[in-house]
Protein backbone atom coordinates (compact mmCIF):
# COMPACT_ATOMS: atom_id res chain seq x y z
CA MET A 1 -22.14 -17.17 1.39
CA ALA A 2 -18.45 -18.27 3.87
CA SER A 3 -19.29 -21.58 5.93
CA ASN A 4 -18.43 -21.73 8.94
CA ALA A 5 -16.66 -24.14 8.88
CA VAL A 6 -14.10 -21.99 7.12
CA PHE A 7 -13.31 -20.74 10.53
CA GLY A 8 -12.68 -23.68 11.91
CA GLN A 9 -9.20 -24.73 10.54
CA ASP A 10 -5.83 -25.18 12.05
CA ILE A 11 -4.12 -21.97 9.55
CA ASP A 12 -5.24 -19.07 11.32
CA GLN A 13 -1.49 -16.63 10.33
CA GLN A 14 -0.41 -15.25 7.37
CA LEU A 15 3.70 -13.73 6.44
CA SER A 16 3.98 -11.46 3.31
CA PHE A 17 6.45 -10.00 1.48
CA GLN A 18 6.29 -7.00 -0.74
CA LEU A 19 8.82 -6.17 -2.65
CA SER A 20 7.66 -2.22 -5.01
CA ASN A 21 9.78 -1.16 -7.28
CA ASP A 22 9.18 1.70 -10.57
CA LYS A 23 12.41 -0.39 -12.23
CA PHE A 24 9.53 -3.09 -13.18
CA ALA A 25 8.22 0.10 -15.46
CA ASP A 26 11.75 0.61 -16.72
CA ARG A 27 11.24 3.84 -14.65
CA ASP A 28 13.51 5.69 -11.66
CA GLN A 29 11.66 8.39 -10.08
CA TYR A 30 8.57 9.71 -7.90
CA PHE A 31 7.51 6.19 -5.59
CA THR A 32 10.62 4.65 -6.57
CA SER A 33 10.60 1.89 -4.18
CA GLY A 34 8.95 -0.16 -1.26
CA LEU A 35 9.81 -3.09 1.27
CA TYR A 36 6.92 -4.34 3.31
CA PHE A 37 6.92 -6.74 5.90
CA ARG A 38 3.53 -7.92 6.96
CA TYR A 39 1.75 -10.11 9.60
CA GLN A 40 -1.66 -11.25 9.78
CA LYS A 41 -3.93 -13.13 12.33
CA GLU A 42 -7.35 -14.47 12.93
CA VAL A 43 -8.90 -13.29 16.49
CA ASN A 44 -11.58 -13.58 18.50
CA ARG A 45 -12.05 -9.87 19.60
CA ASN A 46 -10.79 -6.42 19.16
CA PHE A 47 -11.73 -3.03 20.23
CA ILE A 48 -14.19 -2.77 17.20
CA VAL A 49 -17.02 -5.25 17.25
CA PRO A 50 -17.01 -9.15 18.47
CA LYS A 51 -16.69 -11.98 16.88
CA THR A 52 -19.83 -13.95 15.55
CA ASP A 53 -21.11 -17.10 13.32
CA THR A 54 -21.13 -14.36 10.35
CA ASN A 55 -18.40 -11.80 11.36
CA ARG A 56 -14.61 -11.83 10.72
CA LEU A 57 -11.53 -10.47 12.83
CA GLN A 58 -8.17 -10.21 11.54
CA LEU A 59 -4.74 -8.74 13.03
CA SER A 60 -1.95 -7.05 11.36
CA ILE A 61 1.01 -6.04 11.79
CA SER A 62 3.34 -4.18 9.20
CA LEU A 63 6.95 -2.77 8.86
CA GLY A 64 8.36 -0.70 5.94
CA ASN A 65 10.29 1.42 3.85
CA GLU A 66 9.66 3.96 1.30
CA ILE A 67 11.47 6.02 -1.51
CA TYR A 68 10.50 8.87 -3.50
CA SER A 69 13.04 11.18 -5.64
CA PRO A 70 12.48 13.26 -8.30
CA THR A 71 13.52 12.79 -12.35
CA SER A 72 16.25 14.69 -11.81
CA LEU A 73 18.17 12.64 -9.42
CA SER A 74 21.22 13.02 -10.35
CA SER A 75 21.34 16.66 -9.57
CA ILE A 76 22.53 18.76 -7.20
CA SER A 77 20.70 21.71 -8.00
CA THR A 78 16.37 21.55 -6.37
CA SER A 79 16.46 23.95 -9.32
CA ASP A 80 16.10 20.62 -11.31
CA PHE A 81 13.53 19.17 -9.12
CA ASP A 82 9.83 18.25 -9.73
CA ARG A 83 9.36 17.23 -6.02
CA PRO A 84 11.92 16.46 -2.54
CA PHE A 85 13.73 13.42 -1.90
CA ALA A 86 11.83 11.63 0.44
CA GLY A 87 12.53 8.62 2.37
CA TRP A 88 9.24 7.32 5.47
CA LEU A 89 10.10 4.17 7.48
CA PHE A 90 7.28 3.28 9.14
CA GLY A 91 5.39 0.34 11.51
CA LYS A 92 1.33 0.19 11.45
CA PHE A 93 -0.99 -1.72 13.64
CA GLU A 94 -4.46 -2.66 11.91
CA VAL A 95 -7.89 -4.35 12.79
CA GLY A 96 -10.39 -5.30 10.50
CA SER A 97 -14.16 -6.93 10.50
CA ILE A 98 -14.92 -9.09 7.60
CA LYS A 99 -18.52 -9.87 7.30
CA GLU A 100 -20.38 -11.62 4.24
CA ARG A 101 -19.93 -8.51 1.95
CA SER A 102 -18.52 -6.23 3.25
CA ALA A 103 -15.26 -4.96 5.49
CA PHE A 104 -13.95 -2.34 7.48
CA PHE A 105 -10.32 -2.44 8.45
CA LEU A 106 -8.85 0.28 11.14
CA GLY A 107 -5.38 1.20 11.22
CA PHE A 108 -2.87 3.33 12.89
CA GLU A 109 1.07 3.94 11.31
CA THR A 110 3.72 6.06 12.59
CA GLY A 111 7.16 6.56 10.95
CA ILE A 112 9.72 8.27 10.86
CA THR A 113 11.52 10.51 7.70
CA GLY A 114 14.71 12.30 6.53
CA GLU A 115 17.85 10.25 6.76
CA GLU A 116 17.05 8.24 10.16
CA SER A 117 14.08 6.52 7.48
CA LEU A 118 17.32 4.87 5.60
CA ALA A 119 16.05 5.65 2.07
CA GLY A 120 18.98 7.03 0.52
CA THR A 121 21.42 5.07 2.18
CA LEU A 122 19.93 1.83 0.61
CA GLN A 123 18.67 3.63 -2.87
CA ILE A 124 22.42 5.14 -2.95
CA ALA A 125 23.57 1.12 -2.53
CA LEU A 126 21.26 -0.67 -4.39
CA HIS A 127 22.60 2.06 -7.32
CA ASP A 128 26.18 0.99 -6.69
CA LEU A 129 25.83 -2.37 -6.25
CA PHE A 130 23.55 -2.81 -9.77
CA GLY A 131 26.03 -0.44 -11.67
CA ILE A 132 23.03 2.23 -12.25
CA ASP A 133 24.19 5.17 -13.98
CA SER A 134 22.08 7.61 -12.15
CA ARG A 135 23.68 7.78 -9.12
CA PRO A 136 21.30 9.53 -6.52
CA THR A 137 22.63 12.96 -4.60
CA TRP A 138 19.57 13.25 -1.72
CA VAL A 139 19.78 17.02 -1.98
CA GLU A 140 17.50 18.77 0.46
CA GLU A 141 15.81 15.17 1.48
CA ILE A 142 12.20 15.88 3.45
CA GLU A 143 14.24 16.55 6.54
CA PHE A 144 13.42 14.09 10.18
CA LYS A 145 10.15 13.93 11.59
CA TRP A 146 8.15 11.77 13.54
CA LEU A 147 4.86 10.91 11.96
CA PHE A 148 1.32 9.65 12.64
CA ASN A 149 -1.92 8.90 10.53
CA LEU A 150 -4.86 7.49 11.24
CA LYS A 151 -6.68 5.20 7.98
CA THR A 152 -9.23 3.30 7.23
CA VAL A 153 -10.57 0.87 4.32
CA HIS A 154 -14.10 0.29 3.47
CA THR A 155 -15.17 -2.41 1.19
CA PHE A 156 -18.52 -3.08 -0.41
CA ASP A 157 -18.77 -6.72 -2.11
CA LEU A 158 -21.22 -4.93 -4.97
CA THR A 159 -22.11 -7.99 -6.58
CA SER A 160 -20.26 -12.01 -7.11
CA ASN A 161 -20.08 -15.02 -7.49
CA SER A 162 -16.83 -17.91 -8.04
CA ARG A 163 -16.10 -16.53 -11.40
CA ASN A 164 -16.77 -12.72 -11.61
CA ALA A 165 -16.75 -10.01 -8.88
CA LEU A 166 -17.49 -6.50 -8.39
CA GLN A 167 -16.45 -4.40 -5.03
CA TYR A 168 -16.28 -0.62 -4.16
CA ARG A 169 -13.46 0.92 -1.93
CA ILE A 170 -13.48 4.13 0.46
CA SER A 171 -10.14 5.05 2.15
CA PRO A 172 -9.73 8.25 3.68
CA SER A 173 -6.48 8.96 5.71
CA LEU A 174 -5.90 11.17 8.50
CA GLY A 175 -2.80 12.82 10.40
CA THR A 176 0.42 14.04 9.77
CA LYS A 177 1.73 12.59 7.18
CA ASP A 178 -1.08 12.57 4.88
CA ILE A 179 -4.93 14.44 4.69
CA TYR A 180 -6.53 12.19 1.92
CA LEU A 181 -9.22 10.61 1.20
CA GLU A 182 -9.65 7.77 -1.96
CA ASN A 183 -12.10 5.81 -3.69
CA ASP A 184 -12.55 2.85 -6.13
CA ILE A 185 -14.12 0.50 -8.04
CA ARG A 186 -12.25 -2.67 -8.65
CA TYR A 187 -13.47 -5.88 -11.21
CA PHE A 188 -12.23 -9.05 -9.88
CA PHE A 189 -12.19 -12.25 -12.52
CA GLY A 190 -10.91 -16.29 -12.60
CA LYS A 191 -11.94 -18.67 -10.00
CA LEU A 192 -12.66 -16.88 -6.40
CA ASN A 193 -13.33 -17.80 -3.30
CA PRO A 194 -16.13 -16.32 -1.01
CA PHE A 195 -15.60 -12.55 0.56
CA GLN A 196 -14.88 -13.72 3.65
CA ASN A 197 -11.95 -16.44 3.15
CA SER A 198 -10.78 -14.36 -0.60
CA SER A 199 -6.95 -12.60 -1.01
CA ARG A 200 -8.47 -10.01 -2.67
CA ILE A 201 -9.41 -8.14 0.07
CA GLY A 202 -6.40 -9.12 1.78
CA LEU A 203 -7.09 -11.53 4.49
CA VAL A 204 -5.25 -15.06 5.82
CA ASN A 205 -7.25 -17.50 3.24
CA THR A 206 -7.55 -20.41 6.43
CA SER A 207 -9.40 -22.73 4.31
CA SER A 208 -6.36 -23.20 1.94
CA ALA A 209 -8.90 -22.95 -1.21
CA LYS A 210 -7.36 -22.32 -4.37
CA GLU A 211 -7.64 -18.81 -5.85
CA PHE A 212 -6.11 -17.63 -9.32
CA PHE A 213 -7.92 -14.68 -10.60
CA GLY A 214 -7.00 -11.65 -12.28
CA TYR A 215 -8.64 -7.70 -11.31
CA VAL A 216 -8.69 -3.67 -12.48
CA SER A 217 -9.37 -0.73 -10.72
CA VAL A 218 -10.03 2.67 -11.15
CA GLY A 219 -10.08 5.71 -8.57
CA TYR A 220 -9.63 8.76 -7.56
CA LYS A 221 -7.71 10.22 -4.79
CA TYR A 222 -8.25 13.95 -3.07
CA VAL A 223 -5.42 14.82 -1.64
CA ALA A 224 -5.41 17.36 1.31
CA HIS A 225 -1.87 17.85 2.64
CA ASN A 226 1.36 15.24 1.81
CA THR A 227 4.25 16.22 3.66
CA LEU A 228 6.89 13.99 1.62
CA ILE A 229 6.42 16.22 -0.79
CA GLN A 230 5.03 19.93 1.03
CA GLY A 231 7.00 19.35 4.46
CA SER A 232 5.36 19.62 7.58
CA LEU A 233 1.90 20.52 8.61
CA PHE A 234 2.22 22.76 11.07
CA SER A 235 5.29 24.61 9.87
CA ASP A 236 7.59 25.75 6.67
CA ASP A 237 10.78 23.65 6.16
CA VAL A 238 13.60 24.65 5.83
CA LEU A 239 14.87 22.74 3.39
CA PHE A 240 13.28 21.87 0.09
CA THR A 241 9.37 21.25 -0.33
CA SER A 242 7.03 21.25 -3.18
CA ASP A 243 3.96 22.56 -4.23
CA ILE A 244 1.02 19.34 -4.59
CA THR A 245 -1.53 18.06 -7.03
CA ASN A 246 -4.69 17.88 -5.24
CA HIS A 247 -6.69 15.30 -7.64
CA ILE A 248 -5.01 12.03 -8.64
CA LEU A 249 -6.75 9.58 -11.08
CA LYS A 250 -5.34 6.00 -10.23
CA ALA A 251 -5.46 2.68 -11.86
CA GLU A 252 -4.78 -0.75 -11.12
CA VAL A 253 -3.96 -4.57 -13.00
CA GLY A 254 -3.03 -7.51 -10.76
CA ALA A 255 -3.29 -10.96 -10.68
CA VAL A 256 -3.38 -13.31 -8.13
CA PHE A 257 -2.39 -16.85 -7.59
CA GLN A 258 -3.02 -19.00 -4.34
CA ALA A 259 -2.72 -22.59 -3.32
CA LYS A 260 -2.95 -24.67 -0.35
CA LYS A 261 -0.27 -22.20 1.87
CA ASN A 262 1.35 -20.12 -0.34
CA MET A 263 0.29 -16.72 -2.58
CA PHE A 264 1.57 -15.57 -5.03
CA LYS A 265 0.23 -11.87 -6.98
CA VAL A 266 1.59 -9.32 -9.19
CA ILE A 267 0.68 -5.53 -9.46
CA TYR A 268 1.16 -2.94 -11.48
CA ASN A 269 -0.28 0.87 -10.18
CA PHE A 270 -0.56 3.72 -12.22
CA ASN A 271 -1.42 7.71 -11.25
CA THR A 272 -1.39 10.96 -12.76
CA LYS A 273 1.15 13.46 -11.52
CA GLU A 274 1.54 14.43 -7.90
CA THR A 275 3.09 17.30 -7.89
CA PRO A 276 2.02 20.75 -10.75
CA ARG A 277 5.83 20.04 -12.13
CA SER A 278 5.81 15.89 -12.56
CA THR A 279 4.10 13.90 -14.71
CA SER A 280 2.22 10.58 -14.11
CA HIS A 281 3.57 7.29 -13.08
CA ILE A 282 3.59 3.27 -13.34
CA TYR A 283 5.84 1.03 -10.58
CA GLY A 284 5.06 -3.01 -10.53
CA SER A 285 4.89 -4.99 -7.02
CA LEU A 286 6.14 -8.68 -6.59
CA VAL A 287 4.44 -10.27 -3.51
CA TYR A 288 5.20 -13.75 -1.57
CA ALA A 289 2.68 -14.36 1.12
CA ARG A 290 2.76 -17.93 3.84
CA SER A 291 -0.10 -19.03 5.76
CA PHE A 292 0.24 -21.36 9.04
């Protein structure tokens, strides 16, 4: 149970940076890189529900850039591709309502694809900078589109104490970029803060209480449409696109250390193939956050 005293602290904001890359798993394909900046703040009201003594409210604003490439990224022939090149440059606005044993987040995400996303320019520059042999061609990448999505995350704390926690999470998405339904079960072990003040659900730790834990997650994702693979939801793209795999299995392992105002996180993600010609994929993420 969270104490009401938790909400009276001076700390109520957080800035975070996340770097995701499949080079952490010695790969260079599919979801190959992601850069994310995020600002979070505890607020007194939002358009979902009012704040109460047992209900925290949080606002989050994010900016991100994602890079996707086929396995044969140095080829100039689309017949070699198991998915298209694609870039995604986006912003996201999210509000959250966090109760003592559950949390609900509602987000609006919008951004652009194509050369304007700068994903191809960034990947080629990084390969040249670090002398990576396989220089990406970005032949017939998913063309320019302005896309949007509504995304929700509903997390339920099934059972928890200061050393263990079991959660169920369901995450649907609807819009012109992605249409999917994802759910997973997560097990946390270590030194845990109460649900309403824990980094395990992406909250600002207003108490600065130390957390140090690991976690494992397994999940299933049903994908109805993915514009970064299939192209436009409403019309056929002129450039290369691919079919998708509707049923995807996912797994995640991670470790989190939070002390005072600093939080460090290491994550490894696994998913089964996203297109009929592709294979399963592993990538890693590093996260640093500073509360103030």
